[in-house]
Amino acid sequence: MTRLTIAIAKGRLQSDALALLNQFGITLSDDAETSRRLSIEDRSGEYRFLFVKPADVTVYVEHGIADCGIVGRDVLLEASADVLQPLDLPIGRCRMVVAAPADAKANGHGIVKVATKYPRIATRHFGERGQPVEIISLSGSVELAPVLGLADCIVDLVETGRTLRENGLIVTEEIFSSAARLIVNRASYQLKANALLKLINLLKDLIAKGAKPDA
């Protein structure tokens, strides 16, 4: 039996991905999601899961530590990883946006200060428009940056927009929509083709039937 190692982004996407996989029989022990273990096999022993930070999923897959992974499109665009992307998944839907205070005014010096956890995406977006920017990289709570005067706007991922509203920010632009994707290591796609094609086809069937993570 060929065992596949699957890297999954921790957090909300982890629960949704496991719920989706559960629909065709890939199940973990009852305490798996509450366990602190970061490497867990499913009940059949056919799959091993690595639960890692979202930004690290592409690293594990690209370097072949994991055969495949489930991660958001936002992470893929930020990382520019050399991996195959055979399938979009019906989980992790959100938007990458530019947001600013509702009463924002021009800063008067032409260079826009942008706070973000996605410096590459932000740089590329404003660069394509010819807008000079100063990118301020933050690891969290980017919504505070315009409120406290650190930045003119932010580039961030939003799901409902509630956090933006609670901090007096509004969406001024949508850069792209994002959802989870199945990514595959290039070498694994050759060496473990049958196992990976089985997984991909099972997921395709679920998606075609309108599968949702909580179905």
C-alpha atoms as a PDB file:
ATOM      1  CA  MET A   1       0.000   0.000   0.000  1.00  0.00           C
ATOM      2  CA  THR A   2       1.322   3.434  -0.970  1.00  0.00           C
ATOM      3  CA  ARG A   3       0.889   5.921   1.848  1.00  0.00           C
ATOM      4  CA  LEU A   4       0.337   9.583   1.050  1.00  0.00           C
ATOM      5  CA  THR A   5       1.495  12.383   3.315  1.00  0.00           C
ATOM      6  CA  ILE A   6      -0.860  15.366   3.219  1.00  0.00           C
ATOM      7  CA  ALA A   7       0.065  18.768   4.685  1.00  0.00           C
ATOM      8  CA  ILE A   8      -2.909  20.801   5.870  1.00  0.00           C
ATOM      9  CA  ALA A   9      -3.000  24.399   7.041  1.00  0.00           C
ATOM     10  CA  LYS A  10      -3.902  24.613  10.718  1.00  0.00           C
ATOM     11  CA  GLY A  11      -6.949  26.562  11.866  1.00  0.00           C
ATOM     12  CA  ARG A  12     -10.353  26.852  10.219  1.00  0.00           C
ATOM     13  CA  LEU A  13      -9.130  25.233   7.011  1.00  0.00           C
ATOM     14  CA  GLN A  14      -7.939  22.177   8.935  1.00  0.00           C
ATOM     15  CA  SER A  15     -11.413  21.389  10.265  1.00  0.00           C
ATOM     16  CA  ASP A  16     -13.075  21.976   6.896  1.00  0.00           C
ATOM     17  CA  ALA A  17     -10.496  19.892   5.014  1.00  0.00           C
ATOM     18  CA  LEU A  18     -10.818  16.946   7.400  1.00  0.00           C
ATOM     19  CA  ALA A  19     -14.610  17.149   7.226  1.00  0.00           C
ATOM     20  CA  LEU A  20     -14.425  17.066   3.426  1.00  0.00           C
ATOM     21  CA  LEU A  21     -12.053  14.089   3.388  1.00  0.00           C
ATOM     22  CA  ASN A  22     -14.219  12.316   5.934  1.00  0.00           C
ATOM     23  CA  GLN A  23     -16.989  12.124   3.336  1.00  0.00           C
ATOM     24  CA  PHE A  24     -15.172   9.393   1.458  1.00  0.00           C
ATOM     25  CA  GLY A  25     -13.892   7.523   4.473  1.00  0.00           C
ATOM     26  CA  ILE A  26     -10.628   9.191   5.462  1.00  0.00           C
ATOM     27  CA  THR A  27     -11.119   9.444   9.205  1.00  0.00           C
ATOM     28  CA  LEU A  28      -8.872  10.182  12.159  1.00  0.00           C
ATOM     29  CA  SER A  29      -9.143   9.069  15.759  1.00  0.00           C
ATOM     30  CA  ASP A  30     -11.744  10.867  17.867  1.00  0.00           C
ATOM     31  CA  ASP A  31      -9.126  12.938  19.713  1.00  0.00           C
ATOM     32  CA  ALA A  32      -7.038  13.832  16.637  1.00  0.00           C
ATOM     33  CA  GLU A  33      -8.299  17.398  16.215  1.00  0.00           C
ATOM     34  CA  THR A  34      -7.770  18.247  19.879  1.00  0.00           C
ATOM     35  CA  SER A  35      -4.412  16.503  20.065  1.00  0.00           C
ATOM     36  CA  ARG A  36      -1.192  18.507  20.044  1.00  0.00           C
ATOM     37  CA  ARG A  37       0.403  15.980  17.722  1.00  0.00           C
ATOM     38  CA  LEU A  38       1.303  17.526  14.375  1.00  0.00           C
ATOM     39  CA  SER A  39       1.700  14.242  12.471  1.00  0.00           C
ATOM     40  CA  ILE A  40      -1.244  11.827  12.565  1.00  0.00           C
ATOM     41  CA  GLU A  41      -2.241   8.798  10.478  1.00  0.00           C
ATOM     42  CA  ASP A  42      -5.810   8.120   9.461  1.00  0.00           C
ATOM     43  CA  ARG A  43      -7.514   4.972  10.735  1.00  0.00           C
ATOM     44  CA  SER A  44      -6.600   2.974   7.624  1.00  0.00           C
ATOM     45  CA  GLY A  45      -2.914   3.905   7.666  1.00  0.00           C
ATOM     46  CA  GLU A  46      -3.223   4.961   4.024  1.00  0.00           C
ATOM     47  CA  TYR A  47      -2.781   8.655   4.765  1.00  0.00           C
ATOM     48  CA  ARG A  48      -0.548  10.628   7.094  1.00  0.00           C
ATOM     49  CA  PHE A  49      -1.464  14.216   7.911  1.00  0.00           C
ATOM     50  CA  LEU A  50       0.907  17.043   8.806  1.00  0.00           C
ATOM     51  CA  PHE A  51      -0.759  20.020  10.474  1.00  0.00           C
ATOM     52  CA  VAL A  52       1.398  23.103   9.889  1.00  0.00           C
ATOM     53  CA  LYS A  53       1.114  26.870   9.604  1.00  0.00           C
ATOM     54  CA  PRO A  54      -0.517  27.948   6.321  1.00  0.00           C
ATOM     55  CA  ALA A  55       2.667  29.499   4.947  1.00  0.00           C
ATOM     56  CA  ASP A  56       4.568  26.266   5.614  1.00  0.00           C
ATOM     57  CA  VAL A  57       2.255  23.975   3.626  1.00  0.00           C
ATOM     58  CA  THR A  58       3.843  24.988   0.326  1.00  0.00           C
ATOM     59  CA  VAL A  59       7.335  24.491   1.783  1.00  0.00           C
ATOM     60  CA  TYR A  60       6.625  20.923   2.910  1.00  0.00           C
ATOM     61  CA  VAL A  61       5.019  20.041  -0.420  1.00  0.00           C
ATOM     62  CA  GLU A  62       7.582  21.745  -2.636  1.00  0.00           C
ATOM     63  CA  HIS A  63      10.448  19.960  -0.843  1.00  0.00           C
ATOM     64  CA  GLY A  64       8.713  16.577  -0.952  1.00  0.00           C
ATOM     65  CA  ILE A  65       8.227  16.123   2.801  1.00  0.00           C
ATOM     66  CA  ALA A  66       4.518  15.995   1.989  1.00  0.00           C
ATOM     67  CA  ASP A  67       3.196  14.468  -1.232  1.00  0.00           C
ATOM     68  CA  CYS A  68       0.332  16.918  -1.393  1.00  0.00           C
ATOM     69  CA  GLY A  69      -1.331  19.627   0.657  1.00  0.00           C
ATOM     70  CA  ILE A  70      -4.431  21.713   1.191  1.00  0.00           C
ATOM     71  CA  VAL A  71      -3.885  25.446   1.440  1.00  0.00           C
ATOM     72  CA  GLY A  72      -5.483  28.735   0.428  1.00  0.00           C
ATOM     73  CA  ARG A  73      -4.886  30.411  -2.918  1.00  0.00           C
ATOM     74  CA  ASP A  74      -3.663  33.486  -1.031  1.00  0.00           C
ATOM     75  CA  VAL A  75      -0.760  31.504   0.426  1.00  0.00           C
ATOM     76  CA  LEU A  76       0.120  30.096  -2.991  1.00  0.00           C
ATOM     77  CA  LEU A  77       0.229  33.526  -4.619  1.00  0.00           C
ATOM     78  CA  GLU A  78       2.333  34.927  -1.799  1.00  0.00           C
ATOM     79  CA  ALA A  79       4.782  32.025  -1.823  1.00  0.00           C
ATOM     80  CA  SER A  80       5.097  31.508  -5.607  1.00  0.00           C
ATOM     81  CA  ALA A  81       5.878  27.861  -4.845  1.00  0.00           C
ATOM     82  CA  ASP A  82       6.851  25.365  -7.553  1.00  0.00           C
ATOM     83  CA  VAL A  83       4.034  22.867  -7.037  1.00  0.00           C
ATOM     84  CA  LEU A  84       1.222  21.383  -9.097  1.00  0.00           C
ATOM     85  CA  GLN A  85      -2.273  22.737  -8.453  1.00  0.00           C
ATOM     86  CA  PRO A  86      -4.683  20.150  -9.847  1.00  0.00           C
ATOM     87  CA  LEU A  87      -7.848  21.057  -7.984  1.00  0.00           C
ATOM     88  CA  ASP A  88      -9.817  23.904  -6.406  1.00  0.00           C
ATOM     89  CA  LEU A  89     -11.755  22.884  -3.294  1.00  0.00           C
ATOM     90  CA  PRO A  90     -15.118  24.165  -2.003  1.00  0.00           C
ATOM     91  CA  ILE A  91     -13.678  25.314   1.332  1.00  0.00           C
ATOM     92  CA  GLY A  92     -11.766  28.308   2.656  1.00  0.00           C
ATOM     93  CA  ARG A  93     -13.619  30.853   0.544  1.00  0.00           C
ATOM     94  CA  CYS A  94     -12.641  34.473   1.208  1.00  0.00           C
ATOM     95  CA  ARG A  95     -11.375  37.616  -0.544  1.00  0.00           C
ATOM     96  CA  MET A  96      -8.069  39.480  -0.710  1.00  0.00           C
ATOM     97  CA  VAL A  97      -8.902  43.168  -0.440  1.00  0.00           C
ATOM     98  CA  VAL A  98      -7.585  46.652   0.034  1.00  0.00           C
ATOM     99  CA  ALA A  99      -9.276  48.315   3.001  1.00  0.00           C
ATOM    100  CA  ALA A 100      -8.971  51.795   4.480  1.00  0.00           C
ATOM    101  CA  PRO A 101     -10.725  53.992   7.049  1.00  0.00           C
ATOM    102  CA  ALA A 102     -14.142  55.124   5.871  1.00  0.00           C
ATOM    103  CA  ASP A 103     -13.100  58.778   6.262  1.00  0.00           C
ATOM    104  CA  ALA A 104      -9.640  58.319   4.720  1.00  0.00           C
ATOM    105  CA  LYS A 105      -8.109  61.280   2.891  1.00  0.00           C
ATOM    106  CA  ALA A 106      -5.144  61.459   0.551  1.00  0.00           C
ATOM    107  CA  ASN A 107      -1.890  61.471   2.505  1.00  0.00           C
ATOM    108  CA  GLY A 108      -0.536  64.328   0.396  1.00  0.00           C
ATOM    109  CA  HIS A 109       2.847  62.824  -0.451  1.00  0.00           C
ATOM    110  CA  GLY A 110       1.927  60.388  -3.224  1.00  0.00           C
ATOM    111  CA  ILE A 111       3.360  57.267  -1.597  1.00  0.00           C
ATOM    112  CA  VAL A 112       0.720  55.033  -0.039  1.00  0.00           C
ATOM    113  CA  LYS A 113       1.675  53.233   3.160  1.00  0.00           C
ATOM    114  CA  VAL A 114       0.265  49.702   3.055  1.00  0.00           C
ATOM    115  CA  ALA A 115       0.222  47.375   6.066  1.00  0.00           C
ATOM    116  CA  THR A 116      -0.092  43.696   5.218  1.00  0.00           C
ATOM    117  CA  LYS A 117       0.770  40.078   5.951  1.00  0.00           C
ATOM    118  CA  TYR A 118       1.090  39.617   2.182  1.00  0.00           C
ATOM    119  CA  PRO A 119       3.939  41.893   1.016  1.00  0.00           C
ATOM    120  CA  ARG A 120       4.420  40.183  -2.367  1.00  0.00           C
ATOM    121  CA  ILE A 121       0.732  40.308  -3.253  1.00  0.00           C
ATOM    122  CA  ALA A 122       0.461  43.946  -2.142  1.00  0.00           C
ATOM    123  CA  THR A 123       3.611  44.993  -4.002  1.00  0.00           C
ATOM    124  CA  ARG A 124       2.461  43.259  -7.183  1.00  0.00           C
ATOM    125  CA  HIS A 125      -1.050  44.731  -6.990  1.00  0.00           C
ATOM    126  CA  PHE A 126      -0.002  48.342  -6.560  1.00  0.00           C
ATOM    127  CA  GLY A 127       2.952  47.934  -8.915  1.00  0.00           C
ATOM    128  CA  GLU A 128       0.627  46.879 -11.738  1.00  0.00           C
ATOM    129  CA  ARG A 129      -1.223  50.166 -11.250  1.00  0.00           C
ATOM    130  CA  GLY A 130       1.947  52.243 -11.098  1.00  0.00           C
ATOM    131  CA  GLN A 131       1.165  53.369  -7.562  1.00  0.00           C
ATOM    132  CA  PRO A 132       4.270  53.984  -5.401  1.00  0.00           C
ATOM    133  CA  VAL A 133       3.876  52.298  -2.022  1.00  0.00           C
ATOM    134  CA  GLU A 134       5.711  51.709   1.208  1.00  0.00           C
ATOM    135  CA  ILE A 135       4.975  48.163   2.354  1.00  0.00           C
ATOM    136  CA  ILE A 136       4.788  47.662   6.111  1.00  0.00           C
ATOM    137  CA  SER A 137       4.933  43.938   6.884  1.00  0.00           C
ATOM    138  CA  LEU A 138       2.985  42.820   9.938  1.00  0.00           C
ATOM    139  CA  SER A 139       2.345  39.320  11.248  1.00  0.00           C
ATOM    140  CA  GLY A 140      -1.089  40.038  12.711  1.00  0.00           C
ATOM    141  CA  SER A 141      -3.747  42.635  13.626  1.00  0.00           C
ATOM    142  CA  VAL A 142      -3.171  44.610  10.434  1.00  0.00           C
ATOM    143  CA  GLU A 143      -6.532  46.340  10.964  1.00  0.00           C
ATOM    144  CA  LEU A 144      -4.921  48.424  13.701  1.00  0.00           C
ATOM    145  CA  ALA A 145      -2.347  49.985  11.378  1.00  0.00           C
ATOM    146  CA  PRO A 146      -4.629  52.590   9.700  1.00  0.00           C
ATOM    147  CA  VAL A 147      -6.475  53.225  12.955  1.00  0.00           C
ATOM    148  CA  LEU A 148      -3.242  54.135  14.734  1.00  0.00           C
ATOM    149  CA  GLY A 149      -1.733  56.032  11.811  1.00  0.00           C
ATOM    150  CA  LEU A 150       0.912  53.474  10.888  1.00  0.00           C
ATOM    151  CA  ALA A 151      -0.509  52.970   7.385  1.00  0.00           C
ATOM    152  CA  ASP A 152      -2.978  54.525   4.966  1.00  0.00           C
ATOM    153  CA  CYS A 153      -4.593  51.197   4.119  1.00  0.00           C
ATOM    154  CA  ILE A 154      -4.201  47.449   4.437  1.00  0.00           C
ATOM    155  CA  VAL A 155      -4.122  44.462   2.127  1.00  0.00           C
ATOM    156  CA  ASP A 156      -5.614  41.480   3.878  1.00  0.00           C
ATOM    157  CA  LEU A 157      -7.803  38.429   3.590  1.00  0.00           C
ATOM    158  CA  VAL A 158     -11.426  38.817   4.687  1.00  0.00           C
ATOM    159  CA  GLU A 159     -14.241  36.332   5.049  1.00  0.00           C
ATOM    160  CA  THR A 160     -17.219  38.263   6.419  1.00  0.00           C
ATOM    161  CA  GLY A 161     -15.678  41.727   6.814  1.00  0.00           C
ATOM    162  CA  ARG A 162     -16.802  41.969  10.424  1.00  0.00           C
ATOM    163  CA  THR A 163     -13.342  42.755  11.810  1.00  0.00           C
ATOM    164  CA  LEU A 164     -12.933  45.529   9.251  1.00  0.00           C
ATOM    165  CA  ARG A 165     -16.253  47.103  10.184  1.00  0.00           C
ATOM    166  CA  GLU A 166     -15.541  46.911  13.891  1.00  0.00           C
ATOM    167  CA  ASN A 167     -12.328  48.847  13.311  1.00  0.00           C
ATOM    168  CA  GLY A 168     -13.895  51.499  11.091  1.00  0.00           C
ATOM    169  CA  LEU A 169     -12.481  50.174   7.817  1.00  0.00           C
ATOM    170  CA  ILE A 170     -14.205  49.626   4.490  1.00  0.00           C
ATOM    171  CA  VAL A 171     -13.201  47.602   1.450  1.00  0.00           C
ATOM    172  CA  THR A 172     -11.997  49.927  -1.294  1.00  0.00           C
ATOM    173  CA  GLU A 173     -10.863  47.235  -3.744  1.00  0.00           C
ATOM    174  CA  GLU A 174     -11.103  43.483  -4.190  1.00  0.00           C
ATOM    175  CA  ILE A 175      -7.831  42.058  -5.493  1.00  0.00           C
ATOM    176  CA  PHE A 176      -8.979  38.462  -5.973  1.00  0.00           C
ATOM    177  CA  SER A 177     -11.206  35.800  -4.497  1.00  0.00           C
ATOM    178  CA  SER A 178      -9.554  32.908  -2.710  1.00  0.00           C
ATOM    179  CA  ALA A 179     -10.423  29.337  -1.804  1.00  0.00           C
ATOM    180  CA  ALA A 180      -8.500  26.247  -0.802  1.00  0.00           C
ATOM    181  CA  ARG A 181      -6.550  24.256  -3.355  1.00  0.00           C
ATOM    182  CA  LEU A 182      -5.081  20.802  -3.460  1.00  0.00           C
ATOM    183  CA  ILE A 183      -1.387  21.090  -4.311  1.00  0.00           C
ATOM    184  CA  VAL A 184       0.954  18.249  -5.254  1.00  0.00           C
ATOM    185  CA  ASN A 185       4.710  17.724  -5.198  1.00  0.00           C
ATOM    186  CA  ARG A 186       6.007  17.288  -8.743  1.00  0.00           C
ATOM    187  CA  ALA A 187       8.092  14.187  -8.004  1.00  0.00           C
ATOM    188  CA  SER A 188       5.319  12.560  -5.974  1.00  0.00           C
ATOM    189  CA  TYR A 189       2.948  13.030  -8.906  1.00  0.00           C
ATOM    190  CA  GLN A 190       5.200  10.695 -10.872  1.00  0.00           C
ATOM    191  CA  LEU A 191       6.265   8.271  -8.127  1.00  0.00           C
ATOM    192  CA  LYS A 192       2.879   7.938  -6.417  1.00  0.00           C
ATOM    193  CA  ALA A 193       0.654   8.576  -9.407  1.00  0.00           C
ATOM    194  CA  ASN A 194      -1.995   5.945  -8.650  1.00  0.00           C
ATOM    195  CA  ALA A 195      -2.508   7.006  -5.034  1.00  0.00           C
ATOM    196  CA  LEU A 196      -2.623  10.693  -5.921  1.00  0.00           C
ATOM    197  CA  LEU A 197      -4.986  10.196  -8.846  1.00  0.00           C
ATOM    198  CA  LYS A 198      -7.266   8.181  -6.567  1.00  0.00           C
ATOM    199  CA  LEU A 199      -7.361  11.086  -4.084  1.00  0.00           C
ATOM    200  CA  ILE A 200      -7.855  13.697  -6.801  1.00  0.00           C
ATOM    201  CA  ASN A 201     -10.667  11.752  -8.472  1.00  0.00           C
ATOM    202  CA  LEU A 202     -12.432  11.130  -5.170  1.00  0.00           C
ATOM    203  CA  LEU A 203     -12.312  14.856  -4.404  1.00  0.00           C
ATOM    204  CA  LYS A 204     -13.544  15.680  -7.911  1.00  0.00           C
ATOM    205  CA  ASP A 205     -16.510  13.345  -7.422  1.00  0.00           C
ATOM    206  CA  LEU A 206     -17.372  14.975  -4.109  1.00  0.00           C
ATOM    207  CA  ILE A 207     -17.181  18.450  -5.612  1.00  0.00           C
ATOM    208  CA  ALA A 208     -19.341  17.394  -8.563  1.00  0.00           C
ATOM    209  CA  LYS A 209     -21.956  16.185  -6.078  1.00  0.00           C
ATOM    210  CA  GLY A 210     -21.912  19.564  -4.337  1.00  0.00           C
ATOM    211  CA  ALA A 211     -19.969  18.456  -1.279  1.00  0.00           C
ATOM    212  CA  LYS A 212     -19.556  20.918   1.561  1.00  0.00           C
ATOM    213  CA  PRO A 213     -17.286  20.580   4.616  1.00  0.00           C
ATOM    214  CA  ASP A 214     -20.234  20.191   6.970  1.00  0.00           C
ATOM    215  CA  ALA A 215     -22.257  17.880   4.727  1.00  0.00           C
END
